Amino acid sequence: MESRTPNDRPLIEQPPIDQLSCEAIRARLRPNGCRAAPPADLDTPTPRRPFLRAAVLLTLYRLDGAWHLIFIRRAEHEQDRHSGEVGFPGGRWQAADPSCTATALREAQEEIGLPPTQVDLLGELRPLHTVSQYLVTPVVGCVPWPQRLKPEPREVARIFSIPLGWLVRPDGHRLLTYPAPGHPEARELVFFDEFEGERLWGVSARITLDLIACLTRP
């Protein structure tokens, strides 16, 4: 949508999500502000073993007045069920980690070279159970930009970002049956449209929708 100034120069309106400050985002991520039961498409049957704790880091930065969210594409490994997928830096909680926040920061430093001291922590999203028997806590933070990031080649094939204004489009994602209708493990998962050749889907897509829901609630 465009508006006109008195001298007839066009002005492009910012999406409302880009008008949020760091403090406004922090306020919307306060405990119990956005949390609810895990969504049905991530529910699992009674687990064969206790869920393992894990955490991921959702890293926001501002560029040209717009918020961007950092993603990774995982390196290709034959034995890795998430090989080549788009997601967030993160991994399994370790006994030396005092919290899931510490896990997310440690993994982000290991995987993309992001120093924890650069991250202004804003809050957490609700934890999600996954079919791979993990309880994943999404941790949200923002960083000054630019940042010198470097992928750890054994784990990360590419680091990229997507504008929140693109992700927030209501027609930009859909529910699809995966791996296929009639498959014994078939379930409904979120798939976003491709962005510059990258496809965001599955658990990472659901986490992204949770973040958007928190940031766009009245």
Protein backbone atom coordinates (compact mmCIF):
# COMPACT_ATOMS: atom_id res chain seq x y z
CA MET A 1 0.00 0.00 0.00
CA GLU A 2 1.32 3.45 -0.91
CA SER A 3 0.55 6.91 0.37
CA ARG A 4 1.50 10.25 -1.13
CA THR A 5 3.33 13.19 0.39
CA PRO A 6 2.42 16.77 -0.54
CA ASN A 7 5.13 16.77 -3.20
CA ASP A 8 3.70 13.53 -4.62
CA ARG A 9 6.59 11.27 -3.63
CA PRO A 10 5.41 7.71 -2.82
CA LEU A 11 5.97 6.31 0.67
CA ILE A 12 5.86 2.57 1.29
CA GLU A 13 4.15 1.71 4.56
CA GLN A 14 6.02 -0.64 6.89
CA PRO A 15 4.25 -3.87 7.77
CA PRO A 16 3.04 -3.58 11.40
CA ILE A 17 5.46 -6.32 12.48
CA ASP A 18 8.40 -4.16 11.35
CA GLN A 19 7.22 -1.30 13.54
CA LEU A 20 7.88 -3.31 16.71
CA SER A 21 10.88 -2.37 18.84
CA CYS A 22 13.05 -4.89 20.71
CA GLU A 23 11.25 -3.93 23.92
CA ALA A 24 7.86 -4.45 22.30
CA ILE A 25 8.94 -7.91 21.13
CA ARG A 26 10.24 -8.71 24.61
CA ALA A 27 6.90 -7.69 26.11
CA ARG A 28 5.01 -9.98 23.75
CA LEU A 29 7.26 -12.92 24.62
CA ARG A 30 6.82 -12.63 28.39
CA PRO A 31 5.89 -15.91 30.12
CA ASN A 32 2.31 -17.00 29.47
CA GLY A 33 1.86 -14.27 26.88
CA CYS A 34 1.96 -16.64 23.92
CA ARG A 35 1.99 -20.15 25.28
CA ALA A 36 -0.61 -22.85 24.62
CA ALA A 37 -0.86 -26.62 24.19
CA PRO A 38 1.35 -28.12 21.46
CA PRO A 39 -0.39 -28.05 18.06
CA ALA A 40 -2.01 -31.25 16.89
CA ASP A 41 0.30 -31.75 13.91
CA LEU A 42 3.28 -32.05 16.29
CA ASP A 43 1.54 -34.25 18.85
CA THR A 44 2.97 -37.74 19.12
CA PRO A 45 1.62 -41.02 20.49
CA THR A 46 2.71 -42.13 23.95
CA PRO A 47 6.49 -41.90 23.59
CA ARG A 48 8.58 -45.05 23.49
CA ARG A 49 11.06 -43.25 25.77
CA PRO A 50 11.19 -39.94 27.63
CA PHE A 51 11.48 -36.88 25.42
CA LEU A 52 14.98 -35.46 25.09
CA ARG A 53 15.42 -31.74 25.75
CA ALA A 54 16.66 -29.50 22.95
CA ALA A 55 16.67 -25.81 22.09
CA VAL A 56 16.98 -23.62 19.01
CA LEU A 57 17.86 -19.93 18.63
CA LEU A 58 15.59 -17.61 16.63
CA THR A 59 17.87 -14.68 15.81
CA LEU A 60 16.34 -11.38 14.68
CA TYR A 61 18.12 -8.37 13.23
CA ARG A 62 17.03 -5.08 11.68
CA LEU A 63 18.09 -3.99 8.21
CA ASP A 64 16.67 -0.97 6.37
CA GLY A 65 13.90 -0.65 8.92
CA ALA A 66 12.72 -4.26 8.61
CA TRP A 67 13.10 -7.31 10.84
CA HIS A 68 14.86 -10.37 9.43
CA LEU A 69 15.03 -13.88 10.90
CA ILE A 70 18.18 -16.00 10.51
CA PHE A 71 17.89 -19.59 9.27
CA ILE A 72 20.33 -22.33 8.35
CA ARG A 73 20.24 -25.17 5.83
CA ARG A 74 21.71 -28.25 7.40
CA ALA A 75 24.61 -30.08 5.81
CA GLU A 76 23.89 -33.31 3.93
CA HIS A 77 24.52 -36.48 5.93
CA GLU A 78 23.19 -39.87 4.93
CA GLN A 79 22.33 -40.93 8.50
CA ASP A 80 20.72 -37.62 9.53
CA ARG A 81 16.93 -37.59 9.21
CA HIS A 82 17.03 -33.77 9.08
CA SER A 83 19.81 -33.67 6.48
CA GLY A 84 19.53 -30.72 4.10
CA GLU A 85 16.52 -29.21 5.86
CA VAL A 86 15.99 -25.53 6.64
CA GLY A 87 15.86 -24.73 10.35
CA PHE A 88 17.39 -22.76 13.19
CA PRO A 89 20.76 -23.21 14.92
CA GLY A 90 20.24 -25.52 17.84
CA GLY A 91 20.60 -28.98 19.27
CA ARG A 92 20.31 -31.29 22.23
CA TRP A 93 20.58 -30.05 25.80
CA GLN A 94 23.78 -31.18 27.54
CA ALA A 95 24.34 -31.74 31.24
CA ALA A 96 26.79 -28.83 31.35
CA ASP A 97 24.11 -26.43 30.07
CA PRO A 98 22.43 -24.57 32.96
CA SER A 99 19.30 -23.96 30.86
CA CYS A 100 17.76 -24.39 27.43
CA THR A 101 18.73 -20.79 26.73
CA ALA A 102 22.35 -21.77 27.33
CA THR A 103 21.88 -24.71 24.95
CA ALA A 104 20.55 -22.45 22.19
CA LEU A 105 23.38 -19.93 22.60
CA ARG A 106 26.06 -22.63 22.70
CA GLU A 107 24.72 -24.34 19.58
CA ALA A 108 24.46 -21.04 17.69
CA GLN A 109 28.08 -20.27 18.47
CA GLU A 110 29.15 -23.75 17.38
CA GLU A 111 27.05 -23.87 14.21
CA ILE A 112 27.16 -20.31 12.83
CA GLY A 113 29.88 -18.58 14.88
CA LEU A 114 27.49 -16.22 16.69
CA PRO A 115 29.06 -15.06 19.99
CA PRO A 116 26.57 -15.30 22.89
CA THR A 117 27.67 -11.82 24.00
CA GLN A 118 26.14 -10.39 20.80
CA VAL A 119 22.66 -11.77 21.54
CA ASP A 120 20.10 -9.65 23.36
CA LEU A 121 17.73 -12.29 24.73
CA LEU A 122 14.06 -11.40 24.26
CA GLY A 123 12.23 -14.48 25.56
CA GLU A 124 11.04 -17.97 24.70
CA LEU A 125 8.22 -19.54 22.74
CA ARG A 126 6.27 -22.55 23.94
CA PRO A 127 8.21 -25.84 23.82
CA LEU A 128 7.11 -28.31 21.13
CA HIS A 129 7.13 -32.09 21.12
CA THR A 130 8.43 -33.62 17.89
CA VAL A 131 8.00 -37.04 16.31
CA SER A 132 11.74 -37.59 16.76
CA GLN A 133 11.12 -37.62 20.53
CA TYR A 134 12.48 -34.17 21.37
CA LEU A 135 10.98 -31.40 23.47
CA VAL A 136 12.29 -28.31 21.66
CA THR A 137 12.41 -24.90 23.36
CA PRO A 138 12.64 -21.96 20.91
CA VAL A 139 14.70 -19.07 22.35
CA VAL A 140 14.35 -15.64 20.72
CA GLY A 141 17.04 -12.97 20.60
CA CYS A 142 18.16 -10.03 18.48
CA VAL A 143 21.63 -9.03 17.34
CA PRO A 144 23.22 -5.87 15.97
CA TRP A 145 23.78 -6.00 12.23
CA PRO A 146 25.97 -6.73 10.38
CA GLN A 147 27.41 -9.80 12.10
CA ARG A 148 30.33 -11.90 10.91
CA LEU A 149 28.80 -15.38 10.81
CA LYS A 150 30.56 -18.53 9.65
CA PRO A 151 28.87 -21.91 9.08
CA GLU A 152 30.41 -24.98 10.68
CA PRO A 153 30.69 -27.07 7.48
CA ARG A 154 30.01 -30.43 9.12
CA GLU A 155 26.65 -29.17 10.35
CA VAL A 156 25.59 -26.16 8.27
CA ALA A 157 25.58 -25.80 4.49
CA ARG A 158 24.23 -22.23 4.36
CA ILE A 159 23.24 -19.29 6.57
CA PHE A 160 20.52 -16.99 5.24
CA SER A 161 17.67 -14.81 6.45
CA ILE A 162 14.04 -14.15 5.55
CA PRO A 163 12.23 -10.85 6.24
CA LEU A 164 9.44 -11.15 8.81
CA GLY A 165 7.30 -9.06 6.47
CA TRP A 166 7.52 -11.91 3.93
CA LEU A 167 6.90 -14.66 6.48
CA VAL A 168 3.83 -12.94 7.93
CA ARG A 169 1.84 -13.10 4.66
CA PRO A 170 -1.31 -15.17 5.34
CA ASP A 171 -1.15 -16.82 1.89
CA GLY A 172 2.55 -17.66 2.15
CA HIS A 173 2.18 -21.07 3.81
CA ARG A 174 -0.14 -24.08 3.78
CA LEU A 175 -0.75 -27.43 5.45
CA LEU A 176 0.29 -30.45 3.39
CA THR A 177 0.24 -34.18 4.10
CA TYR A 178 3.76 -35.52 4.62
CA PRO A 179 5.37 -37.82 3.53
CA ALA A 180 2.27 -38.74 1.44
CA PRO A 181 -1.44 -39.50 1.90
CA GLY A 182 -1.89 -43.08 3.03
CA HIS A 183 1.67 -43.37 4.35
CA PRO A 184 1.76 -45.01 7.82
CA GLU A 185 3.52 -41.93 9.24
CA ALA A 186 1.44 -39.36 7.30
CA ARG A 187 0.72 -36.14 9.16
CA GLU A 188 -0.22 -32.56 8.35
CA LEU A 189 2.79 -30.22 8.35
CA VAL A 190 3.28 -26.54 7.59
CA PHE A 191 5.09 -25.68 4.34
CA PHE A 192 6.04 -22.11 3.41
CA ASP A 193 6.50 -20.93 -0.16
CA GLU A 194 10.07 -21.09 -1.38
CA PHE A 195 12.22 -18.08 -0.57
CA GLU A 196 15.28 -17.63 -2.80
CA GLY A 197 15.37 -21.38 -3.42
CA GLU A 198 14.95 -22.40 0.24
CA ARG A 199 11.91 -24.21 1.64
CA LEU A 200 10.86 -23.75 5.28
CA TRP A 201 8.65 -26.57 6.53
CA GLY A 202 7.90 -28.95 9.41
CA VAL A 203 8.82 -28.14 13.00
CA SER A 204 10.84 -25.04 12.05
CA ALA A 205 7.86 -23.71 10.07
CA ARG A 206 5.55 -24.29 13.05
CA ILE A 207 7.99 -22.48 15.36
CA THR A 208 8.09 -19.59 12.88
CA LEU A 209 4.28 -19.40 12.91
CA ASP A 210 4.32 -19.38 16.72
CA LEU A 211 6.71 -16.42 16.65
CA ILE A 212 4.54 -14.57 14.14
CA ALA A 213 1.42 -15.28 16.21
CA CYS A 214 3.10 -13.79 19.28
CA LEU A 215 4.30 -10.69 17.45
CA THR A 216 1.02 -9.97 15.66
CA ARG A 217 -1.46 -10.64 18.46
CA PRO A 218 -3.58 -7.61 19.46
